[in-house]
Amino acid sequence: MTKLLFAVTAADHWTLKDGSKHPTGFWAEELVESHRTFIEAGFDVVVATPGGRAPVVDEGSLSVDANGGDEAKVADQKEYLASIESTLQKPLALEEQKAADFDAIFVPGGHGPMEDLAVSSQFGALVSDFLDGGKLVSTVCHAPAALLPARRSDGAWAFDGYELTGFTDEEETQAGLADVAPWLLETRLRESGAKFSSGAAWGPHIVVDRNLYTGQNPASTKPLADRVVSALS
């Protein structure tokens, strides 16, 4: 059975450049669609967070407006989250996980990873172990921020030269947070050495480079999860 480490942010806020705290967490669609796809594929999905703290959903991600006006979609997300509440309430600690115990790692987004995973040297080391072991690494939307702390002993970025995608500066601007963000994901990834690829704003866009699988935004989640399942089957 394929064993997948499902690494979720434990942050409940994102510190903006003026020091204020913007409420956030994981993005509902990104967690729901990916987790459900992996479970339906028969994977052994292990949910883990920094410190083993229960993750929180970004309430904005459950608004009807954030889901294209689709009330049924929101209801489905709420129902699925309720069905896995016991799992989310008792995640394992990411710091105690080892790449050798898994076949792949997946990180759903939301602004949460920008707050905690993006600055965790421990998580950076874990992701590097997955990468170096030839194991599949996958992130979606803002979660590529979690790749940033993957640094070598000489300071080089483990993903330097990789083609990838993530939430674009254009999308952050359209979402209304670019002006208050302490840093922008696309810009930071490019500065770090990524070959950043983007599709149309808010449309699905997937990039695969070696064992790195990335999706641009919430709409990319299901297609990305399907690609991950195909690659691991």
C-alpha atoms as a PDB file:
ATOM      1  CA  MET A   1       0.000   0.000   0.000  1.00  0.00           C
ATOM      2  CA  THR A   2       1.235   3.461  -0.921  1.00  0.00           C
ATOM      3  CA  LYS A   3       1.967   5.502   2.196  1.00  0.00           C
ATOM      4  CA  LEU A   4       1.668   9.272   1.852  1.00  0.00           C
ATOM      5  CA  LEU A   5       2.630  11.960   4.349  1.00  0.00           C
ATOM      6  CA  PHE A   6      -0.074  14.628   4.263  1.00  0.00           C
ATOM      7  CA  ALA A   7       1.671  17.682   5.718  1.00  0.00           C
ATOM      8  CA  VAL A   8      -0.741  20.396   6.834  1.00  0.00           C
ATOM      9  CA  THR A   9      -0.038  23.846   8.228  1.00  0.00           C
ATOM     10  CA  ALA A  10      -0.896  24.431  11.883  1.00  0.00           C
ATOM     11  CA  ALA A  11      -0.918  28.228  11.532  1.00  0.00           C
ATOM     12  CA  ASP A  12      -4.163  30.093  12.192  1.00  0.00           C
ATOM     13  CA  HIS A  13      -2.890  33.448  10.957  1.00  0.00           C
ATOM     14  CA  TRP A  14      -0.538  35.052   8.452  1.00  0.00           C
ATOM     15  CA  THR A  15       1.546  37.955   9.734  1.00  0.00           C
ATOM     16  CA  LEU A  16       1.238  40.844   7.290  1.00  0.00           C
ATOM     17  CA  LYS A  17       3.970  43.381   6.604  1.00  0.00           C
ATOM     18  CA  ASP A  18       2.492  45.870   9.086  1.00  0.00           C
ATOM     19  CA  GLY A  19       2.643  43.229  11.808  1.00  0.00           C
ATOM     20  CA  SER A  20      -1.102  42.584  11.913  1.00  0.00           C
ATOM     21  CA  LYS A  21      -2.416  39.027  11.827  1.00  0.00           C
ATOM     22  CA  HIS A  22      -4.619  37.930   8.940  1.00  0.00           C
ATOM     23  CA  PRO A  23      -6.798  34.928   9.941  1.00  0.00           C
ATOM     24  CA  THR A  24      -6.009  31.891   7.817  1.00  0.00           C
ATOM     25  CA  GLY A  25      -5.205  28.186   7.994  1.00  0.00           C
ATOM     26  CA  PHE A  26      -5.526  25.531   5.296  1.00  0.00           C
ATOM     27  CA  TRP A  27      -7.679  26.145   2.218  1.00  0.00           C
ATOM     28  CA  ALA A  28     -10.691  23.839   2.347  1.00  0.00           C
ATOM     29  CA  GLU A  29     -10.822  22.812  -1.319  1.00  0.00           C
ATOM     30  CA  GLU A  30      -7.126  21.991  -1.377  1.00  0.00           C
ATOM     31  CA  LEU A  31      -7.266  19.735   1.655  1.00  0.00           C
ATOM     32  CA  VAL A  32     -10.609  18.132   0.848  1.00  0.00           C
ATOM     33  CA  GLU A  33     -10.035  17.341  -2.823  1.00  0.00           C
ATOM     34  CA  SER A  34      -6.525  15.997  -2.326  1.00  0.00           C
ATOM     35  CA  HIS A  35      -7.197  13.996   0.843  1.00  0.00           C
ATOM     36  CA  ARG A  36     -10.337  12.429  -0.619  1.00  0.00           C
ATOM     37  CA  THR A  37      -8.559  11.525  -3.856  1.00  0.00           C
ATOM     38  CA  PHE A  38      -5.724   9.802  -1.998  1.00  0.00           C
ATOM     39  CA  ILE A  39      -8.096   7.922   0.322  1.00  0.00           C
ATOM     40  CA  GLU A  40     -10.229   6.764  -2.608  1.00  0.00           C
ATOM     41  CA  ALA A  41      -7.054   5.560  -4.319  1.00  0.00           C
ATOM     42  CA  GLY A  42      -6.422   3.317  -1.339  1.00  0.00           C
ATOM     43  CA  PHE A  43      -3.418   5.202   0.017  1.00  0.00           C
ATOM     44  CA  ASP A  44      -2.407   5.074   3.659  1.00  0.00           C
ATOM     45  CA  VAL A  45      -2.651   8.821   4.326  1.00  0.00           C
ATOM     46  CA  VAL A  46      -0.843  10.065   7.437  1.00  0.00           C
ATOM     47  CA  VAL A  47      -1.825  13.588   8.489  1.00  0.00           C
ATOM     48  CA  ALA A  48       0.888  15.526  10.311  1.00  0.00           C
ATOM     49  CA  THR A  49       1.355  19.149  11.346  1.00  0.00           C
ATOM     50  CA  PRO A  50       4.053  21.226  13.063  1.00  0.00           C
ATOM     51  CA  GLY A  51       4.026  20.173  16.694  1.00  0.00           C
ATOM     52  CA  GLY A  52       1.111  17.824  16.100  1.00  0.00           C
ATOM     53  CA  ARG A  53      -1.291  20.738  16.548  1.00  0.00           C
ATOM     54  CA  ALA A  54      -4.805  20.465  15.130  1.00  0.00           C
ATOM     55  CA  PRO A  55      -5.002  22.441  11.875  1.00  0.00           C
ATOM     56  CA  VAL A  56      -7.722  25.016  11.277  1.00  0.00           C
ATOM     57  CA  VAL A  57      -9.584  25.793   8.103  1.00  0.00           C
ATOM     58  CA  ASP A  58      -9.416  29.260   6.584  1.00  0.00           C
ATOM     59  CA  GLU A  59     -13.039  30.264   7.046  1.00  0.00           C
ATOM     60  CA  GLY A  60     -12.825  32.401   3.933  1.00  0.00           C
ATOM     61  CA  SER A  61     -12.273  29.261   1.889  1.00  0.00           C
ATOM     62  CA  LEU A  62     -15.716  28.028   2.904  1.00  0.00           C
ATOM     63  CA  SER A  63     -17.522  31.109   1.666  1.00  0.00           C
ATOM     64  CA  VAL A  64     -19.800  30.711  -1.325  1.00  0.00           C
ATOM     65  CA  ASP A  65     -18.003  33.564  -3.125  1.00  0.00           C
ATOM     66  CA  ALA A  66     -14.654  31.783  -2.806  1.00  0.00           C
ATOM     67  CA  ASN A  67     -16.211  28.748  -4.453  1.00  0.00           C
ATOM     68  CA  GLY A  68     -17.665  30.363  -7.533  1.00  0.00           C
ATOM     69  CA  GLY A  69     -21.093  30.808  -5.991  1.00  0.00           C
ATOM     70  CA  ASP A  70     -21.511  27.036  -5.725  1.00  0.00           C
ATOM     71  CA  GLU A  71     -23.389  26.352  -2.482  1.00  0.00           C
ATOM     72  CA  ALA A  72     -23.361  22.591  -3.090  1.00  0.00           C
ATOM     73  CA  LYS A  73     -19.564  22.647  -3.359  1.00  0.00           C
ATOM     74  CA  VAL A  74     -19.274  24.424  -0.011  1.00  0.00           C
ATOM     75  CA  ALA A  75     -21.705  21.984   1.597  1.00  0.00           C
ATOM     76  CA  ASP A  76     -19.659  19.075   0.253  1.00  0.00           C
ATOM     77  CA  GLN A  77     -16.441  20.521   1.673  1.00  0.00           C
ATOM     78  CA  LYS A  78     -18.005  21.056   5.081  1.00  0.00           C
ATOM     79  CA  GLU A  79     -19.394  17.529   5.080  1.00  0.00           C
ATOM     80  CA  TYR A  80     -16.047  16.002   4.166  1.00  0.00           C
ATOM     81  CA  LEU A  81     -14.179  18.013   6.781  1.00  0.00           C
ATOM     82  CA  ALA A  82     -16.686  16.862   9.376  1.00  0.00           C
ATOM     83  CA  SER A  83     -16.156  13.248   8.303  1.00  0.00           C
ATOM     84  CA  ILE A  84     -12.410  13.453   8.960  1.00  0.00           C
ATOM     85  CA  GLU A  85     -12.588  15.720  12.006  1.00  0.00           C
ATOM     86  CA  SER A  86     -11.247  13.036  14.325  1.00  0.00           C
ATOM     87  CA  THR A  87      -8.191  12.654  12.092  1.00  0.00           C
ATOM     88  CA  LEU A  88      -7.581  16.385  11.867  1.00  0.00           C
ATOM     89  CA  GLN A  89      -7.941  16.813  15.613  1.00  0.00           C
ATOM     90  CA  LYS A  90      -5.155  14.318  16.324  1.00  0.00           C
ATOM     91  CA  PRO A  91      -2.432  14.758  13.688  1.00  0.00           C
ATOM     92  CA  LEU A  92       1.055  13.391  14.159  1.00  0.00           C
ATOM     93  CA  ALA A  93       3.980  15.764  14.699  1.00  0.00           C
ATOM     94  CA  LEU A  94       5.800  16.569  11.464  1.00  0.00           C
ATOM     95  CA  GLU A  95       9.073  16.822  13.379  1.00  0.00           C
ATOM     96  CA  GLU A  96       8.873  13.116  14.180  1.00  0.00           C
ATOM     97  CA  GLN A  97       8.304  11.921  10.603  1.00  0.00           C
ATOM     98  CA  LYS A  98      10.979  10.397   8.371  1.00  0.00           C
ATOM     99  CA  ALA A  99      11.002  10.307   4.581  1.00  0.00           C
ATOM    100  CA  ALA A 100      12.159   6.691   4.699  1.00  0.00           C
ATOM    101  CA  ASP A 101       8.755   5.685   6.092  1.00  0.00           C
ATOM    102  CA  PHE A 102       6.760   7.109   3.157  1.00  0.00           C
ATOM    103  CA  ASP A 103       6.416   6.923  -0.617  1.00  0.00           C
ATOM    104  CA  ALA A 104       5.417  10.572  -1.080  1.00  0.00           C
ATOM    105  CA  ILE A 105       4.620  13.844   0.643  1.00  0.00           C
ATOM    106  CA  PHE A 106       1.779  16.232  -0.215  1.00  0.00           C
ATOM    107  CA  VAL A 107       1.218  19.730   1.163  1.00  0.00           C
ATOM    108  CA  PRO A 108      -2.136  21.516   0.696  1.00  0.00           C
ATOM    109  CA  GLY A 109      -2.105  25.293   0.725  1.00  0.00           C
ATOM    110  CA  GLY A 110      -3.860  28.288   2.152  1.00  0.00           C
ATOM    111  CA  HIS A 111      -1.795  31.164   3.531  1.00  0.00           C
ATOM    112  CA  GLY A 112      -0.941  29.036   6.563  1.00  0.00           C
ATOM    113  CA  PRO A 113       2.210  27.458   5.075  1.00  0.00           C
ATOM    114  CA  MET A 114       3.525  30.982   4.428  1.00  0.00           C
ATOM    115  CA  GLU A 115       3.550  31.470   8.205  1.00  0.00           C
ATOM    116  CA  ASP A 116       4.970  28.209   9.558  1.00  0.00           C
ATOM    117  CA  LEU A 117       6.265  25.676   7.018  1.00  0.00           C
ATOM    118  CA  ALA A 118       8.035  28.327   4.935  1.00  0.00           C
ATOM    119  CA  VAL A 119      10.365  29.152   7.820  1.00  0.00           C
ATOM    120  CA  SER A 120      10.831  25.681   9.303  1.00  0.00           C
ATOM    121  CA  SER A 121      14.357  24.358   8.822  1.00  0.00           C
ATOM    122  CA  GLN A 122      13.167  20.999  10.162  1.00  0.00           C
ATOM    123  CA  PHE A 123      10.508  20.760   7.484  1.00  0.00           C
ATOM    124  CA  GLY A 124      13.031  21.897   4.894  1.00  0.00           C
ATOM    125  CA  ALA A 125      15.299  19.015   5.882  1.00  0.00           C
ATOM    126  CA  LEU A 126      12.395  16.567   5.688  1.00  0.00           C
ATOM    127  CA  VAL A 127      11.385  17.720   2.202  1.00  0.00           C
ATOM    128  CA  SER A 128      15.010  17.509   1.094  1.00  0.00           C
ATOM    129  CA  ASP A 129      15.108  13.892   2.279  1.00  0.00           C
ATOM    130  CA  PHE A 130      12.049  13.075   0.173  1.00  0.00           C
ATOM    131  CA  LEU A 131      13.582  14.800  -2.843  1.00  0.00           C
ATOM    132  CA  ASP A 132      16.987  13.174  -2.496  1.00  0.00           C
ATOM    133  CA  GLY A 133      15.390   9.782  -1.957  1.00  0.00           C
ATOM    134  CA  GLY A 134      13.664  10.043  -5.313  1.00  0.00           C
ATOM    135  CA  LYS A 135      10.284  10.138  -3.599  1.00  0.00           C
ATOM    136  CA  LEU A 136       7.396  12.201  -4.902  1.00  0.00           C
ATOM    137  CA  VAL A 137       7.025  15.719  -3.477  1.00  0.00           C
ATOM    138  CA  SER A 138       3.812  17.611  -4.215  1.00  0.00           C
ATOM    139  CA  THR A 139       2.459  21.024  -3.203  1.00  0.00           C
ATOM    140  CA  VAL A 140      -0.420  23.198  -4.346  1.00  0.00           C
ATOM    141  CA  CYS A 141      -1.246  26.924  -4.370  1.00  0.00           C
ATOM    142  CA  HIS A 142       0.587  28.658  -1.468  1.00  0.00           C
ATOM    143  CA  ALA A 143       2.108  25.394  -0.246  1.00  0.00           C
ATOM    144  CA  PRO A 144       5.233  25.652  -2.459  1.00  0.00           C
ATOM    145  CA  ALA A 145       6.277  28.122   0.246  1.00  0.00           C
ATOM    146  CA  ALA A 146       7.042  24.987   2.259  1.00  0.00           C
ATOM    147  CA  LEU A 147       9.822  24.166  -0.214  1.00  0.00           C
ATOM    148  CA  LEU A 148      11.735  27.369   0.550  1.00  0.00           C
ATOM    149  CA  PRO A 149      13.568  26.181   3.705  1.00  0.00           C
ATOM    150  CA  ALA A 150      14.977  23.128   1.898  1.00  0.00           C
ATOM    151  CA  ARG A 151      18.591  24.284   2.017  1.00  0.00           C
ATOM    152  CA  ARG A 152      21.839  22.379   1.595  1.00  0.00           C
ATOM    153  CA  SER A 153      24.708  22.686   4.049  1.00  0.00           C
ATOM    154  CA  ASP A 154      26.264  25.295   1.760  1.00  0.00           C
ATOM    155  CA  GLY A 155      23.051  27.316   1.673  1.00  0.00           C
ATOM    156  CA  ALA A 156      22.014  26.227  -1.828  1.00  0.00           C
ATOM    157  CA  TRP A 157      18.308  25.638  -2.377  1.00  0.00           C
ATOM    158  CA  ALA A 158      17.427  21.988  -2.992  1.00  0.00           C
ATOM    159  CA  PHE A 159      14.897  22.967  -5.682  1.00  0.00           C
ATOM    160  CA  ASP A 160      17.165  25.380  -7.546  1.00  0.00           C
ATOM    161  CA  GLY A 161      16.514  24.982 -11.282  1.00  0.00           C
ATOM    162  CA  TYR A 162      13.304  22.998 -10.875  1.00  0.00           C
ATOM    163  CA  GLU A 163      10.297  24.014 -12.946  1.00  0.00           C
ATOM    164  CA  LEU A 164       7.298  24.501 -10.686  1.00  0.00           C
ATOM    165  CA  THR A 165       4.176  26.526 -10.148  1.00  0.00           C
ATOM    166  CA  GLY A 166       2.224  28.047  -7.283  1.00  0.00           C
ATOM    167  CA  PHE A 167      -0.122  30.895  -6.442  1.00  0.00           C
ATOM    168  CA  THR A 168       0.949  33.717  -8.719  1.00  0.00           C
ATOM    169  CA  ASP A 169       1.617  37.351  -7.861  1.00  0.00           C
ATOM    170  CA  GLU A 170      -1.228  38.195 -10.260  1.00  0.00           C
ATOM    171  CA  GLU A 171      -3.630  35.988  -8.313  1.00  0.00           C
ATOM    172  CA  GLU A 172      -2.460  37.441  -4.976  1.00  0.00           C
ATOM    173  CA  THR A 173      -3.108  40.909  -6.369  1.00  0.00           C
ATOM    174  CA  GLN A 174      -6.565  39.950  -7.569  1.00  0.00           C
ATOM    175  CA  ALA A 175      -7.266  38.394  -4.157  1.00  0.00           C
ATOM    176  CA  GLY A 176      -6.505  41.807  -2.618  1.00  0.00           C
ATOM    177  CA  LEU A 177      -3.577  40.803  -0.420  1.00  0.00           C
ATOM    178  CA  ALA A 178      -0.514  41.571  -2.518  1.00  0.00           C
ATOM    179  CA  ASP A 179      -0.104  45.093  -1.145  1.00  0.00           C
ATOM    180  CA  VAL A 180      -0.138  43.939   2.483  1.00  0.00           C
ATOM    181  CA  ALA A 181       1.791  40.683   2.066  1.00  0.00           C
ATOM    182  CA  PRO A 182       5.225  40.534   3.710  1.00  0.00           C
ATOM    183  CA  TRP A 183       6.438  38.723   0.578  1.00  0.00           C
ATOM    184  CA  LEU A 184       4.926  37.235  -2.553  1.00  0.00           C
ATOM    185  CA  LEU A 185       5.232  33.533  -3.292  1.00  0.00           C
ATOM    186  CA  GLU A 186       5.965  33.686  -7.013  1.00  0.00           C
ATOM    187  CA  THR A 187       8.570  36.393  -6.510  1.00  0.00           C
ATOM    188  CA  ARG A 188      10.290  34.513  -3.687  1.00  0.00           C
ATOM    189  CA  LEU A 189      10.343  31.232  -5.629  1.00  0.00           C
ATOM    190  CA  ARG A 190      11.863  32.950  -8.661  1.00  0.00           C
ATOM    191  CA  GLU A 191      14.460  34.681  -6.490  1.00  0.00           C
ATOM    192  CA  SER A 192      15.355  31.335  -4.939  1.00  0.00           C
ATOM    193  CA  GLY A 193      16.099  29.795  -8.324  1.00  0.00           C
ATOM    194  CA  ALA A 194      12.852  28.179  -9.448  1.00  0.00           C
ATOM    195  CA  LYS A 195      11.797  28.117 -13.077  1.00  0.00           C
ATOM    196  CA  PHE A 196       8.321  29.415 -12.322  1.00  0.00           C
ATOM    197  CA  SER A 197       5.529  28.434 -14.694  1.00  0.00           C
ATOM    198  CA  SER A 198       2.023  29.874 -14.629  1.00  0.00           C
ATOM    199  CA  GLY A 199      -1.257  29.415 -16.442  1.00  0.00           C
ATOM    200  CA  ALA A 200      -4.324  31.631 -16.601  1.00  0.00           C
ATOM    201  CA  ALA A 201      -5.276  33.155 -13.263  1.00  0.00           C
ATOM    202  CA  TRP A 202      -7.560  30.860 -11.242  1.00  0.00           C
ATOM    203  CA  GLY A 203      -7.491  28.122 -13.874  1.00  0.00           C
ATOM    204  CA  PRO A 204      -5.956  24.671 -13.337  1.00  0.00           C
ATOM    205  CA  HIS A 205      -2.240  24.446 -14.093  1.00  0.00           C
ATOM    206  CA  ILE A 206       0.016  21.523 -13.176  1.00  0.00           C
ATOM    207  CA  VAL A 207       3.791  21.260 -13.502  1.00  0.00           C
ATOM    208  CA  VAL A 208       5.837  18.078 -13.147  1.00  0.00           C
ATOM    209  CA  ASP A 209       9.632  18.220 -13.020  1.00  0.00           C
ATOM    210  CA  ARG A 210      11.364  14.997 -12.016  1.00  0.00           C
ATOM    211  CA  ASN A 211       9.787  13.963  -8.697  1.00  0.00           C
ATOM    212  CA  LEU A 212       8.315  17.411  -7.948  1.00  0.00           C
ATOM    213  CA  TYR A 213       4.591  17.840  -8.689  1.00  0.00           C
ATOM    214  CA  THR A 214       3.023  21.284  -8.197  1.00  0.00           C
ATOM    215  CA  GLY A 215      -0.333  22.973  -8.792  1.00  0.00           C
ATOM    216  CA  GLN A 216      -0.981  26.682  -9.200  1.00  0.00           C
ATOM    217  CA  ASN A 217      -4.182  27.344  -7.263  1.00  0.00           C
ATOM    218  CA  PRO A 218      -7.277  25.755  -5.681  1.00  0.00           C
ATOM    219  CA  ALA A 219      -8.656  24.735  -9.087  1.00  0.00           C
ATOM    220  CA  SER A 220      -5.449  22.785  -9.694  1.00  0.00           C
ATOM    221  CA  THR A 221      -5.907  20.574  -6.637  1.00  0.00           C
ATOM    222  CA  LYS A 222      -7.978  17.735  -8.050  1.00  0.00           C
ATOM    223  CA  PRO A 223      -5.982  17.463 -11.317  1.00  0.00           C
ATOM    224  CA  LEU A 224      -2.758  17.505  -9.291  1.00  0.00           C
ATOM    225  CA  ALA A 225      -3.973  14.842  -6.878  1.00  0.00           C
ATOM    226  CA  ASP A 226      -5.001  12.679  -9.825  1.00  0.00           C
ATOM    227  CA  ARG A 227      -1.507  13.054 -11.327  1.00  0.00           C
ATOM    228  CA  VAL A 228       0.048  12.061  -8.020  1.00  0.00           C
ATOM    229  CA  VAL A 229      -2.149   8.960  -7.819  1.00  0.00           C
ATOM    230  CA  SER A 230      -1.276   8.031 -11.395  1.00  0.00           C
ATOM    231  CA  ALA A 231       2.437   8.436 -10.710  1.00  0.00           C
ATOM    232  CA  LEU A 232       2.302   6.290  -7.587  1.00  0.00           C
ATOM    233  CA  SER A 233       0.065   3.562  -8.977  1.00  0.00           C
END
